[in-house]
Amino acid sequence: GGMVLGLLATFGILNMLGIYLGPIDLSFQPLTLLLTLLFVLVVACLASFGPVFTASRVRVRGALRYE
């Protein structure tokens, strides 16, 4: 859903800019989309390591008592 809305928004912005700046060519590379998805997944996994290690050190009894 979000990717479709993003592509539609991109075409709309390029059309509006094309009125003032002239025609703008847009090329869509499926490989770039897959590489971007892979990059986002790797960054998300790396960003979650810290919180996971912190949460793994908390004892269940202490976590339940805290709430």
Foldseek 3Di string as FASTA:
>chain_A
DVVVVVVVVVVVVQVVVCVVPNHDDDDDDVVVVVVVVVVVVVVVVVVCPVVVVVVVPDDPVNVVVVD
